[in-house]
Amino acid sequence: MLEGELSDPRIAPSHVTDVVLAPGGKSARIFVAVDGSEEEEESTLAALMTARGYIRSQLRERMGVRHVPELTFAIDRSQKLTGRIDEILSRSRAREARSRRRESGEQVTTPTVADVPAEQRD
């Protein structure tokens, strides 16, 4: 539904990562990962919150049930955070390796900007 049925231009390319249904089934929190900037995340979240009624009616129709929980949307940033944590860990490991080589008396060269991939530069 996110990929084409909602015609709101504020919705950036995104996908549902998790759905948490409250006990009793009266409400559900839908976590959405947005492929874009923070501004795109915010506009996507606003558009999804605006389209809640339509989404609920479509779910009711497609699932053939009487009751569909109240929907709340939240941005899932876990994939972005995981990438950043991996980058920090790899930098830390490289520093530790240089430190160990330095302690053992090996010649150590410090990486230059050209040695670091563009996506990892601050």
C-alpha atoms as a PDB file:
ATOM      1  CA  MET A   1       0.000   0.000   0.000  1.00  0.00           C
ATOM      2  CA  LEU A   2       2.886   2.378   0.799  1.00  0.00           C
ATOM      3  CA  GLU A   3       4.494   1.848  -2.582  1.00  0.00           C
ATOM      4  CA  GLY A   4       1.772   3.118  -4.847  1.00  0.00           C
ATOM      5  CA  GLU A   5      -1.758   3.180  -3.524  1.00  0.00           C
ATOM      6  CA  LEU A   6      -1.218   6.273  -1.405  1.00  0.00           C
ATOM      7  CA  SER A   7      -0.819   9.136  -3.833  1.00  0.00           C
ATOM      8  CA  ASP A   8       0.438  11.686  -1.309  1.00  0.00           C
ATOM      9  CA  PRO A   9       3.672  13.202  -2.692  1.00  0.00           C
ATOM     10  CA  ARG A  10       4.986  13.627   0.854  1.00  0.00           C
ATOM     11  CA  ILE A  11       5.470   9.864   1.177  1.00  0.00           C
ATOM     12  CA  ALA A  12       9.094   8.977   0.411  1.00  0.00           C
ATOM     13  CA  PRO A  13      10.160   5.438  -0.579  1.00  0.00           C
ATOM     14  CA  SER A  14       9.518   3.451   2.575  1.00  0.00           C
ATOM     15  CA  HIS A  15       8.550   0.067   3.951  1.00  0.00           C
ATOM     16  CA  VAL A  16       6.941  -1.363   7.084  1.00  0.00           C
ATOM     17  CA  THR A  17       9.495  -2.956   9.409  1.00  0.00           C
ATOM     18  CA  ASP A  18       7.293  -3.996  12.320  1.00  0.00           C
ATOM     19  CA  VAL A  19       3.723  -3.912  13.601  1.00  0.00           C
ATOM     20  CA  VAL A  20       3.045  -4.027  17.332  1.00  0.00           C
ATOM     21  CA  LEU A  21      -0.533  -4.827  18.282  1.00  0.00           C
ATOM     22  CA  ALA A  22      -1.639  -3.712  21.742  1.00  0.00           C
ATOM     23  CA  PRO A  23      -3.200  -6.289  24.048  1.00  0.00           C
ATOM     24  CA  GLY A  24      -6.877  -6.448  23.221  1.00  0.00           C
ATOM     25  CA  GLY A  25      -6.245  -5.441  19.616  1.00  0.00           C
ATOM     26  CA  LYS A  26      -7.656  -1.917  19.909  1.00  0.00           C
ATOM     27  CA  SER A  27      -4.533  -0.156  18.657  1.00  0.00           C
ATOM     28  CA  ALA A  28      -1.457  -0.926  16.596  1.00  0.00           C
ATOM     29  CA  ARG A  29       1.848   0.858  16.146  1.00  0.00           C
ATOM     30  CA  ILE A  30       3.355   0.511  12.671  1.00  0.00           C
ATOM     31  CA  PHE A  31       7.079   1.110  12.349  1.00  0.00           C
ATOM     32  CA  VAL A  32       8.174   2.439   8.965  1.00  0.00           C
ATOM     33  CA  ALA A  33      11.715   2.756   7.592  1.00  0.00           C
ATOM     34  CA  VAL A  34      12.098   5.658   5.168  1.00  0.00           C
ATOM     35  CA  ASP A  35      14.814   5.684   2.521  1.00  0.00           C
ATOM     36  CA  GLY A  36      15.688   9.357   2.732  1.00  0.00           C
ATOM     37  CA  SER A  37      16.616  12.325   4.875  1.00  0.00           C
ATOM     38  CA  GLU A  38      15.145  13.347   8.220  1.00  0.00           C
ATOM     39  CA  GLU A  39      12.901  15.852   6.433  1.00  0.00           C
ATOM     40  CA  GLU A  40      11.565  13.049   4.232  1.00  0.00           C
ATOM     41  CA  GLU A  41      10.995  10.919   7.335  1.00  0.00           C
ATOM     42  CA  GLU A  42       8.975  13.704   8.946  1.00  0.00           C
ATOM     43  CA  SER A  43       6.894  14.394   5.833  1.00  0.00           C
ATOM     44  CA  THR A  44       6.256  10.660   5.319  1.00  0.00           C
ATOM     45  CA  LEU A  45       5.138  10.293   8.927  1.00  0.00           C
ATOM     46  CA  ALA A  46       2.800  13.291   8.603  1.00  0.00           C
ATOM     47  CA  ALA A  47       1.319  11.922   5.367  1.00  0.00           C
ATOM     48  CA  LEU A  48       0.769   8.469   6.885  1.00  0.00           C
ATOM     49  CA  MET A  49      -0.915   9.968   9.932  1.00  0.00           C
ATOM     50  CA  THR A  50      -3.176  11.969   7.589  1.00  0.00           C
ATOM     51  CA  ALA A  51      -4.032   8.804   5.613  1.00  0.00           C
ATOM     52  CA  ARG A  52      -4.820   6.675   8.690  1.00  0.00           C
ATOM     53  CA  GLY A  53      -8.555   6.588   8.015  1.00  0.00           C
ATOM     54  CA  TYR A  54      -8.083   5.497   4.421  1.00  0.00           C
ATOM     55  CA  ILE A  55      -5.522   2.849   5.412  1.00  0.00           C
ATOM     56  CA  ARG A  56      -7.860   1.478   8.095  1.00  0.00           C
ATOM     57  CA  SER A  57     -10.775   1.288   5.663  1.00  0.00           C
ATOM     58  CA  GLN A  58      -8.603  -0.526   3.105  1.00  0.00           C
ATOM     59  CA  LEU A  59      -7.393  -2.987   5.754  1.00  0.00           C
ATOM     60  CA  ARG A  60     -10.973  -3.602   6.898  1.00  0.00           C
ATOM     61  CA  GLU A  61     -12.062  -4.265   3.317  1.00  0.00           C
ATOM     62  CA  ARG A  62      -9.110  -6.494   2.400  1.00  0.00           C
ATOM     63  CA  MET A  63      -9.091  -8.501   5.614  1.00  0.00           C
ATOM     64  CA  GLY A  64     -12.865  -8.884   5.749  1.00  0.00           C
ATOM     65  CA  VAL A  65     -13.083  -8.037   9.448  1.00  0.00           C
ATOM     66  CA  ARG A  66     -15.372  -5.757  11.414  1.00  0.00           C
ATOM     67  CA  HIS A  67     -12.777  -4.086  13.577  1.00  0.00           C
ATOM     68  CA  VAL A  68      -9.386  -2.723  12.566  1.00  0.00           C
ATOM     69  CA  PRO A  69      -7.233  -1.269  15.344  1.00  0.00           C
ATOM     70  CA  GLU A  70      -6.472   2.436  15.615  1.00  0.00           C
ATOM     71  CA  LEU A  71      -3.216   2.979  13.757  1.00  0.00           C
ATOM     72  CA  THR A  72      -0.217   4.964  14.909  1.00  0.00           C
ATOM     73  CA  PHE A  73       2.873   5.303  12.756  1.00  0.00           C
ATOM     74  CA  ALA A  74       6.452   5.669  13.960  1.00  0.00           C
ATOM     75  CA  ILE A  75       9.740   6.006  12.117  1.00  0.00           C
ATOM     76  CA  ASP A  76      12.084   3.040  12.501  1.00  0.00           C
ATOM     77  CA  ARG A  77      15.662   4.329  12.455  1.00  0.00           C
ATOM     78  CA  SER A  78      17.262   1.067  13.569  1.00  0.00           C
ATOM     79  CA  GLN A  79      18.795   0.313  10.152  1.00  0.00           C
ATOM     80  CA  LYS A  80      20.433   3.738   9.968  1.00  0.00           C
ATOM     81  CA  LEU A  81      21.695   3.431  13.539  1.00  0.00           C
ATOM     82  CA  THR A  82      23.050  -0.049  12.852  1.00  0.00           C
ATOM     83  CA  GLY A  83      25.052   1.290   9.903  1.00  0.00           C
ATOM     84  CA  ARG A  84      26.469   4.128  11.995  1.00  0.00           C
ATOM     85  CA  ILE A  85      27.375   1.769  14.866  1.00  0.00           C
ATOM     86  CA  ASP A  86      29.131  -0.582  12.419  1.00  0.00           C
ATOM     87  CA  GLU A  87      31.122   2.357  11.055  1.00  0.00           C
ATOM     88  CA  ILE A  88      32.175   3.481  14.548  1.00  0.00           C
ATOM     89  CA  LEU A  89      33.153  -0.065  15.533  1.00  0.00           C
ATOM     90  CA  SER A  90      35.269  -0.528  12.405  1.00  0.00           C
ATOM     91  CA  ARG A  91      37.084   2.753  13.083  1.00  0.00           C
ATOM     92  CA  SER A  92      37.682   1.692  16.679  1.00  0.00           C
ATOM     93  CA  ARG A  93      39.070  -1.690  15.579  1.00  0.00           C
ATOM     94  CA  ALA A  94      41.408   0.024  13.102  1.00  0.00           C
ATOM     95  CA  ARG A  95      42.687   2.354  15.833  1.00  0.00           C
ATOM     96  CA  GLU A  96      43.270  -0.599  18.172  1.00  0.00           C
ATOM     97  CA  ALA A  97      45.144  -2.500  15.448  1.00  0.00           C
ATOM     98  CA  ARG A  98      47.385   0.529  14.757  1.00  0.00           C
ATOM     99  CA  SER A  99      48.013   0.910  18.471  1.00  0.00           C
ATOM    100  CA  ARG A 100      49.010  -2.771  18.807  1.00  0.00           C
ATOM    101  CA  ARG A 101      51.332  -2.518  15.802  1.00  0.00           C
ATOM    102  CA  ARG A 102      52.865   0.653  17.222  1.00  0.00           C
ATOM    103  CA  GLU A 103      53.462  -1.093  20.575  1.00  0.00           C
ATOM    104  CA  SER A 104      55.115  -4.035  18.829  1.00  0.00           C
ATOM    105  CA  GLY A 105      57.502  -1.670  17.033  1.00  0.00           C
ATOM    106  CA  GLU A 106      55.973  -2.029  13.574  1.00  0.00           C
ATOM    107  CA  GLN A 107      55.954   0.944  11.212  1.00  0.00           C
ATOM    108  CA  VAL A 108      52.435   2.405  11.313  1.00  0.00           C
ATOM    109  CA  THR A 109      50.959   4.767   8.753  1.00  0.00           C
ATOM    110  CA  THR A 110      47.952   6.909   9.512  1.00  0.00           C
ATOM    111  CA  PRO A 111      45.234   6.679   6.846  1.00  0.00           C
ATOM    112  CA  THR A 112      44.633   9.795   4.790  1.00  0.00           C
ATOM    113  CA  VAL A 113      41.270  11.072   3.602  1.00  0.00           C
ATOM    114  CA  ALA A 114      41.861   9.317   0.280  1.00  0.00           C
ATOM    115  CA  ASP A 115      42.146   5.951   2.124  1.00  0.00           C
ATOM    116  CA  VAL A 116      38.689   6.285   3.708  1.00  0.00           C
ATOM    117  CA  PRO A 117      35.659   5.506   1.497  1.00  0.00           C
ATOM    118  CA  ALA A 118      33.519   8.592   0.799  1.00  0.00           C
ATOM    119  CA  GLU A 119      30.437   7.173   2.605  1.00  0.00           C
ATOM    120  CA  GLN A 120      32.463   6.810   5.826  1.00  0.00           C
ATOM    121  CA  ARG A 121      33.875  10.334   5.911  1.00  0.00           C
ATOM    122  CA  ASP A 122      32.384  12.756   8.442  1.00  0.00           C
END
